[in-house]
Amino acid sequence: MGDIADYYMDIAMEELAQFEAENHFRREAVEKMEKDYMMGVLKWNTQHDGKIMVTKMTEIHLENTIAYIKRTYKSEEVSEKWIELLGYELEKRK
């Protein structure tokens, strides 16, 4: 191919590699979240740079966190998994 075609092919390949790496990272993050939740050690990062175990969050804190995620983050695999797990924790308590 010509120089310009090679250049655009390189850009496309870099973007594809980045996309695949991001997908892999998201899958790993979701798998780790599920594993941590099942082990009872999943932690949420608070607004004051602290961490709290999901099992120690109050019901209102769970509800507010779910609302925050829905309001703040676009629909993607990781945010949807947070909503699912926090919702499951909330339902377990009712």
N, C-alpha and C. Protein backbone atom coordinates (compact mmCIF):
# COMPACT_ATOMS: atom_id res chain seq x y z
N MET A 1 0.84 -1.19 0.00
CA MET A 1 0.00 0.00 0.00
C MET A 1 0.88 1.25 0.00
N GLY A 2 0.25 2.36 -0.28
CA GLY A 2 0.98 3.63 -0.25
C GLY A 2 1.18 4.12 1.17
N ASP A 3 1.98 5.16 1.30
CA ASP A 3 2.29 5.70 2.62
C ASP A 3 1.05 6.16 3.37
N ILE A 4 0.15 6.84 2.70
CA ILE A 4 -1.06 7.34 3.36
C ILE A 4 -1.95 6.18 3.77
N ALA A 5 -2.09 5.20 2.91
CA ALA A 5 -2.91 4.03 3.23
C ALA A 5 -2.30 3.29 4.42
N ASP A 6 -0.97 3.16 4.44
CA ASP A 6 -0.30 2.51 5.56
C ASP A 6 -0.55 3.28 6.85
N TYR A 7 -0.47 4.59 6.76
CA TYR A 7 -0.71 5.45 7.93
C TYR A 7 -2.10 5.22 8.51
N TYR A 8 -3.11 5.25 7.65
CA TYR A 8 -4.49 5.05 8.12
C TYR A 8 -4.73 3.62 8.60
N MET A 9 -4.06 2.66 8.00
CA MET A 9 -4.17 1.28 8.46
C MET A 9 -3.56 1.16 9.85
N ASP A 10 -2.43 1.82 10.09
CA ASP A 10 -1.81 1.80 11.41
C ASP A 10 -2.73 2.41 12.46
N ILE A 11 -3.37 3.53 12.12
CA ILE A 11 -4.30 4.18 13.04
C ILE A 11 -5.46 3.24 13.36
N ALA A 12 -6.01 2.61 12.34
CA ALA A 12 -7.13 1.69 12.54
C ALA A 12 -6.72 0.51 13.41
N MET A 13 -5.54 -0.01 13.19
CA MET A 13 -5.06 -1.15 13.99
C MET A 13 -4.83 -0.74 15.44
N GLU A 14 -4.30 0.47 15.67
CA GLU A 14 -4.09 0.96 17.03
C GLU A 14 -5.42 1.13 17.75
N GLU A 15 -6.41 1.69 17.05
CA GLU A 15 -7.73 1.88 17.65
C GLU A 15 -8.38 0.55 17.98
N LEU A 16 -8.23 -0.43 17.10
CA LEU A 16 -8.77 -1.75 17.35
C LEU A 16 -8.10 -2.39 18.56
N ALA A 17 -6.79 -2.27 18.65
CA ALA A 17 -6.06 -2.84 19.79
C ALA A 17 -6.49 -2.17 21.09
N GLN A 18 -6.67 -0.85 21.06
CA GLN A 18 -7.12 -0.13 22.25
C GLN A 18 -8.54 -0.56 22.64
N PHE A 19 -9.41 -0.69 21.66
CA PHE A 19 -10.78 -1.12 21.92
C PHE A 19 -10.80 -2.51 22.56
N GLU A 20 -10.01 -3.43 22.00
CA GLU A 20 -9.95 -4.79 22.55
C GLU A 20 -9.37 -4.80 23.96
N ALA A 21 -8.37 -3.97 24.21
CA ALA A 21 -7.78 -3.89 25.55
C ALA A 21 -8.79 -3.35 26.55
N GLU A 22 -9.55 -2.33 26.15
CA GLU A 22 -10.57 -1.76 27.05
C GLU A 22 -11.66 -2.79 27.33
N ASN A 23 -12.08 -3.53 26.33
CA ASN A 23 -13.09 -4.58 26.55
C ASN A 23 -12.58 -5.64 27.49
N HIS A 24 -11.33 -6.03 27.33
CA HIS A 24 -10.72 -7.03 28.20
C HIS A 24 -10.68 -6.51 29.64
N PHE A 25 -10.28 -5.24 29.81
CA PHE A 25 -10.22 -4.64 31.13
C PHE A 25 -11.61 -4.61 31.78
N ARG A 26 -12.63 -4.25 31.01
CA ARG A 26 -13.99 -4.21 31.56
C ARG A 26 -14.45 -5.59 31.97
N ARG A 27 -14.19 -6.60 31.15
CA ARG A 27 -14.57 -7.97 31.51
C ARG A 27 -13.88 -8.41 32.79
N GLU A 28 -12.58 -8.09 32.91
CA GLU A 28 -11.85 -8.44 34.12
C GLU A 28 -12.42 -7.71 35.33
N ALA A 29 -12.76 -6.44 35.17
CA ALA A 29 -13.32 -5.66 36.27
C ALA A 29 -14.65 -6.25 36.72
N VAL A 30 -15.50 -6.63 35.78
CA VAL A 30 -16.80 -7.21 36.12
C VAL A 30 -16.62 -8.55 36.82
N GLU A 31 -15.72 -9.38 36.31
CA GLU A 31 -15.46 -10.68 36.94
C GLU A 31 -14.94 -10.51 38.36
N LYS A 32 -14.05 -9.53 38.57
CA LYS A 32 -13.52 -9.28 39.91
C LYS A 32 -14.62 -8.78 40.84
N MET A 33 -15.48 -7.90 40.33
CA MET A 33 -16.59 -7.40 41.15
C MET A 33 -17.48 -8.54 41.59
N GLU A 34 -17.83 -9.42 40.66
CA GLU A 34 -18.70 -10.55 41.00
C GLU A 34 -18.04 -11.44 42.04
N LYS A 35 -16.77 -11.72 41.85
CA LYS A 35 -16.03 -12.57 42.79
C LYS A 35 -15.97 -11.91 44.16
N ASP A 36 -15.61 -10.63 44.21
CA ASP A 36 -15.53 -9.92 45.49
C ASP A 36 -16.88 -9.88 46.18
N TYR A 37 -17.96 -9.68 45.41
CA TYR A 37 -19.29 -9.64 46.02
C TYR A 37 -19.63 -11.00 46.63
N MET A 38 -19.37 -12.05 45.90
CA MET A 38 -19.68 -13.40 46.40
C MET A 38 -18.88 -13.72 47.66
N MET A 39 -17.68 -13.17 47.76
CA MET A 39 -16.84 -13.39 48.94
C MET A 39 -17.16 -12.41 50.06
N GLY A 40 -18.02 -11.43 49.79
CA GLY A 40 -18.41 -10.45 50.81
C GLY A 40 -17.37 -9.37 51.05
N VAL A 41 -16.51 -9.13 50.07
CA VAL A 41 -15.46 -8.13 50.27
C VAL A 41 -15.50 -7.00 49.23
N LEU A 42 -16.59 -6.89 48.46
CA LEU A 42 -16.71 -5.82 47.48
C LEU A 42 -16.81 -4.48 48.20
N LYS A 43 -16.00 -3.51 47.76
CA LYS A 43 -15.99 -2.19 48.40
C LYS A 43 -16.37 -1.11 47.40
N TRP A 44 -17.09 -0.13 47.90
CA TRP A 44 -17.47 1.04 47.12
C TRP A 44 -16.59 2.19 47.56
N ASN A 45 -16.09 2.97 46.61
CA ASN A 45 -15.29 4.15 46.93
C ASN A 45 -16.24 5.30 47.24
N THR A 46 -16.10 5.89 48.43
CA THR A 46 -16.98 6.98 48.84
C THR A 46 -16.49 8.29 48.25
N GLN A 47 -17.32 9.31 48.38
CA GLN A 47 -16.98 10.62 47.82
C GLN A 47 -15.83 11.29 48.55
N HIS A 48 -15.49 10.81 49.74
CA HIS A 48 -14.40 11.40 50.52
C HIS A 48 -13.15 10.52 50.47
N ASP A 49 -12.96 9.82 49.36
CA ASP A 49 -11.80 8.96 49.13
C ASP A 49 -11.67 7.82 50.12
N GLY A 50 -12.76 7.45 50.73
CA GLY A 50 -12.75 6.29 51.61
C GLY A 50 -13.32 5.08 50.88
N LYS A 51 -13.31 3.97 51.54
CA LYS A 51 -13.90 2.75 50.98
C LYS A 51 -14.81 2.15 52.03
N ILE A 52 -15.93 1.60 51.56
CA ILE A 52 -16.86 0.95 52.46
C ILE A 52 -17.28 -0.37 51.82
N MET A 53 -17.33 -1.39 52.63
CA MET A 53 -17.78 -2.68 52.11
C MET A 53 -19.26 -2.59 51.80
N VAL A 54 -19.66 -3.17 50.69
CA VAL A 54 -21.06 -3.14 50.28
C VAL A 54 -21.94 -3.76 51.37
N THR A 55 -21.46 -4.79 52.02
CA THR A 55 -22.24 -5.45 53.07
C THR A 55 -22.45 -4.56 54.29
N LYS A 56 -21.65 -3.50 54.43
CA LYS A 56 -21.77 -2.57 55.56
C LYS A 56 -22.57 -1.32 55.22
N MET A 57 -22.94 -1.17 53.95
CA MET A 57 -23.71 0.02 53.54
C MET A 57 -25.14 -0.09 54.05
N THR A 58 -25.70 1.04 54.45
CA THR A 58 -27.10 1.04 54.88
C THR A 58 -28.00 0.94 53.66
N GLU A 59 -29.28 0.64 53.88
CA GLU A 59 -30.21 0.55 52.76
C GLU A 59 -30.31 1.87 52.01
N ILE A 60 -30.36 2.98 52.73
CA ILE A 60 -30.47 4.28 52.08
C ILE A 60 -29.19 4.59 51.31
N HIS A 61 -28.06 4.18 51.84
CA HIS A 61 -26.79 4.38 51.14
C HIS A 61 -26.77 3.57 49.84
N LEU A 62 -27.26 2.33 49.89
CA LEU A 62 -27.35 1.52 48.67
C LEU A 62 -28.26 2.18 47.64
N GLU A 63 -29.43 2.65 48.09
CA GLU A 63 -30.38 3.30 47.18
C GLU A 63 -29.76 4.55 46.55
N ASN A 64 -29.10 5.36 47.39
CA ASN A 64 -28.48 6.59 46.89
C ASN A 64 -27.34 6.29 45.92
N THR A 65 -26.58 5.25 46.20
CA THR A 65 -25.47 4.88 45.33
C THR A 65 -25.98 4.39 43.98
N ILE A 66 -27.03 3.60 43.98
CA ILE A 66 -27.63 3.14 42.73
C ILE A 66 -28.12 4.34 41.91
N ALA A 67 -28.79 5.28 42.58
CA ALA A 67 -29.28 6.48 41.89
C ALA A 67 -28.11 7.30 41.34
N TYR A 68 -27.04 7.41 42.12
CA TYR A 68 -25.85 8.15 41.68
C TYR A 68 -25.25 7.52 40.42
N ILE A 69 -25.12 6.20 40.42
CA ILE A 69 -24.54 5.53 39.26
C ILE A 69 -25.41 5.74 38.03
N LYS A 70 -26.72 5.60 38.19
CA LYS A 70 -27.64 5.80 37.05
C LYS A 70 -27.57 7.22 36.51
N ARG A 71 -27.41 8.19 37.42
CA ARG A 71 -27.37 9.59 37.05
C ARG A 71 -26.05 9.99 36.42
N THR A 72 -24.97 9.39 36.87
CA THR A 72 -23.63 9.86 36.53
C THR A 72 -22.96 9.11 35.40
N TYR A 73 -23.15 7.81 35.34
CA TYR A 73 -22.39 7.00 34.40
C TYR A 73 -23.26 6.54 33.24
N LYS A 74 -22.66 6.55 32.06
CA LYS A 74 -23.37 6.04 30.89
C LYS A 74 -23.58 4.55 31.06
N SER A 75 -24.52 4.03 30.33
CA SER A 75 -24.81 2.60 30.41
C SER A 75 -23.64 1.83 29.83
N GLU A 76 -22.96 1.13 30.67
CA GLU A 76 -21.86 0.29 30.23
C GLU A 76 -21.78 -0.90 31.16
N GLU A 77 -20.97 -1.84 30.79
CA GLU A 77 -20.92 -3.12 31.50
C GLU A 77 -20.59 -2.97 32.99
N VAL A 78 -19.61 -2.14 33.31
CA VAL A 78 -19.17 -2.01 34.71
C VAL A 78 -20.24 -1.31 35.55
N SER A 79 -20.77 -0.20 35.07
CA SER A 79 -21.79 0.51 35.85
C SER A 79 -23.06 -0.33 35.99
N GLU A 80 -23.43 -1.06 34.95
CA GLU A 80 -24.60 -1.93 35.04
C GLU A 80 -24.38 -3.05 36.06
N LYS A 81 -23.14 -3.56 36.15
CA LYS A 81 -22.84 -4.60 37.12
C LYS A 81 -22.91 -4.04 38.54
N TRP A 82 -22.44 -2.80 38.75
CA TRP A 82 -22.57 -2.18 40.07
C TRP A 82 -24.04 -2.07 40.46
N ILE A 83 -24.87 -1.61 39.53
CA ILE A 83 -26.29 -1.47 39.81
C ILE A 83 -26.90 -2.82 40.14
N GLU A 84 -26.54 -3.83 39.38
CA GLU A 84 -27.06 -5.18 39.63
C GLU A 84 -26.66 -5.69 41.02
N LEU A 85 -25.38 -5.57 41.37
CA LEU A 85 -24.92 -6.11 42.65
C LEU A 85 -25.45 -5.31 43.84
N LEU A 86 -25.47 -3.98 43.71
CA LEU A 86 -26.02 -3.17 44.80
C LEU A 86 -27.52 -3.42 44.95
N GLY A 87 -28.21 -3.58 43.84
CA GLY A 87 -29.63 -3.90 43.87
C GLY A 87 -29.89 -5.25 44.52
N TYR A 88 -29.04 -6.22 44.20
CA TYR A 88 -29.17 -7.55 44.81
C TYR A 88 -28.96 -7.46 46.32
N GLU A 89 -27.95 -6.69 46.74
CA GLU A 89 -27.70 -6.51 48.17
C GLU A 89 -28.90 -5.86 48.85
N LEU A 90 -29.47 -4.89 48.20
CA LEU A 90 -30.66 -4.21 48.76
C LEU A 90 -31.83 -5.16 48.87
N GLU A 91 -32.07 -5.96 47.84
CA GLU A 91 -33.18 -6.91 47.87
C GLU A 91 -32.98 -8.00 48.93
N LYS A 92 -31.73 -8.39 49.15
CA LYS A 92 -31.44 -9.40 50.17
C LYS A 92 -31.91 -8.95 51.55
N ARG A 93 -31.89 -7.67 51.78
CA ARG A 93 -32.22 -7.13 53.11
C ARG A 93 -33.70 -6.91 53.33
N LYS A 94 -34.49 -6.95 52.29
CA LYS A 94 -35.92 -6.68 52.43
C LYS A 94 -36.70 -7.93 52.68
